[in-house]
């Protein structure tokens, strides 16, 4: 799992550029988190909006219930796994 290893910078930032670099990186992280969570929030319940159209296409309520359950279980598993990953990551690095 190479992606879990922390990235270590090979070059040090000159002392006079530390504040500017920190502010730039902090803004990039904030925008990334904001856009990522906004996308998640807007798209997380789109399956329930699609159910009437899917029923018109011929899917039964039972089939749609299984799919909705699978989506919910996958969401729960992803939250569990990402919780472990975030606990293991070092925020200072």
Protein backbone atom coordinates (compact mmCIF):
# COMPACT_ATOMS: atom_id res chain seq x y z
CA UNK A 1 0.00 0.00 0.00
CA UNK A 2 2.28 2.68 -1.30
CA UNK A 3 -0.39 5.39 -1.22
CA UNK A 4 -0.61 5.21 2.59
CA UNK A 5 3.03 6.14 3.07
CA UNK A 6 3.58 9.81 3.87
CA UNK A 7 5.14 12.00 1.21
CA UNK A 8 8.40 13.46 2.38
CA UNK A 9 9.56 16.64 0.68
CA UNK A 10 13.05 16.32 -0.77
CA UNK A 11 13.70 20.06 -0.83
CA UNK A 12 13.22 22.42 2.07
CA UNK A 13 11.32 25.65 1.56
CA UNK A 14 13.47 28.71 2.18
CA UNK A 15 12.55 30.41 5.47
CA UNK A 16 11.35 33.57 3.73
CA UNK A 17 8.85 31.57 1.63
CA UNK A 18 7.43 29.37 4.41
CA UNK A 19 4.48 31.66 5.23
CA UNK A 20 3.44 32.13 1.59
CA UNK A 21 3.83 28.42 0.81
CA UNK A 22 1.85 27.43 3.90
CA UNK A 23 -0.99 29.83 3.04
CA UNK A 24 -1.11 28.53 -0.55
CA UNK A 25 -1.15 24.88 0.50
CA UNK A 26 -3.71 25.52 3.26
CA UNK A 27 -6.02 27.16 0.70
CA UNK A 28 -5.54 24.24 -1.73
CA UNK A 29 -6.44 21.72 0.98
CA UNK A 30 -9.47 23.74 2.06
CA UNK A 31 -10.77 24.06 -1.52
CA UNK A 32 -10.19 20.36 -2.15
CA UNK A 33 -12.06 19.35 0.99
CA UNK A 34 -14.86 21.83 0.32
CA UNK A 35 -15.40 20.76 -3.30
CA UNK A 36 -15.11 17.07 -2.41
CA UNK A 37 -17.63 17.25 0.40
CA UNK A 38 -20.01 19.46 -1.60
CA UNK A 39 -19.93 16.91 -4.43
CA UNK A 40 -20.51 14.06 -1.99
CA UNK A 41 -23.38 15.88 -0.29
CA UNK A 42 -25.12 16.72 -3.58
CA UNK A 43 -24.72 13.22 -5.05
CA UNK A 44 -25.12 10.91 -2.06
CA UNK A 45 -28.89 10.57 -2.27
CA UNK A 46 -29.33 10.57 -6.03
CA UNK A 47 -30.42 6.92 -6.09
CA UNK A 48 -33.65 7.66 -4.23
CA UNK A 49 -34.46 10.30 -6.84
CA UNK A 50 -33.93 7.77 -9.65
CA UNK A 51 -36.19 5.06 -8.19
CA UNK A 52 -39.43 6.19 -9.95
CA UNK A 53 -37.68 6.27 -13.34
CA UNK A 54 -36.07 2.88 -12.71
CA UNK A 55 -39.48 1.41 -11.82
CA UNK A 56 -40.81 2.74 -15.12
CA UNK A 57 -37.90 0.94 -16.83
CA UNK A 58 -39.10 -2.39 -15.39
CA UNK A 59 -37.16 -2.88 -12.15
CA UNK A 60 -39.16 -4.24 -9.22
CA UNK A 61 -39.28 -2.72 -5.76
CA UNK A 62 -37.40 -5.75 -4.45
CA UNK A 63 -34.54 -5.29 -6.92
CA UNK A 64 -34.32 -1.59 -6.14
CA UNK A 65 -34.38 -2.37 -2.42
CA UNK A 66 -31.41 -4.69 -2.81
CA UNK A 67 -29.50 -2.05 -4.76
CA UNK A 68 -30.34 0.66 -2.22
CA UNK A 69 -29.21 -1.66 0.59
CA UNK A 70 -25.96 -2.42 -1.25
CA UNK A 71 -25.27 1.30 -1.69
CA UNK A 72 -25.91 1.90 2.01
CA UNK A 73 -23.69 -1.01 3.06
CA UNK A 74 -20.91 0.16 0.71
CA UNK A 75 -21.18 3.64 2.23
CA UNK A 76 -20.90 2.23 5.75
CA UNK A 77 -17.89 0.09 4.84
CA UNK A 78 -16.17 3.05 3.15
CA UNK A 79 -16.71 5.23 6.25
CA UNK A 80 -15.25 2.47 8.43
CA UNK A 81 -12.20 1.93 6.19
CA UNK A 82 -11.53 5.64 5.72
CA UNK A 83 -11.83 6.13 9.48
CA UNK A 84 -9.03 3.61 9.97
CA UNK A 85 -6.95 5.28 7.24
CA UNK A 86 -7.42 8.73 8.79
CA UNK A 87 -6.50 7.39 12.24
CA UNK A 88 -3.28 5.94 10.82
CA UNK A 89 -2.27 9.04 8.85
CA UNK A 90 -0.04 11.65 10.37
CA UNK A 91 -1.56 15.12 9.99
CA UNK A 92 1.79 16.78 10.60
CA UNK A 93 3.23 15.18 7.48
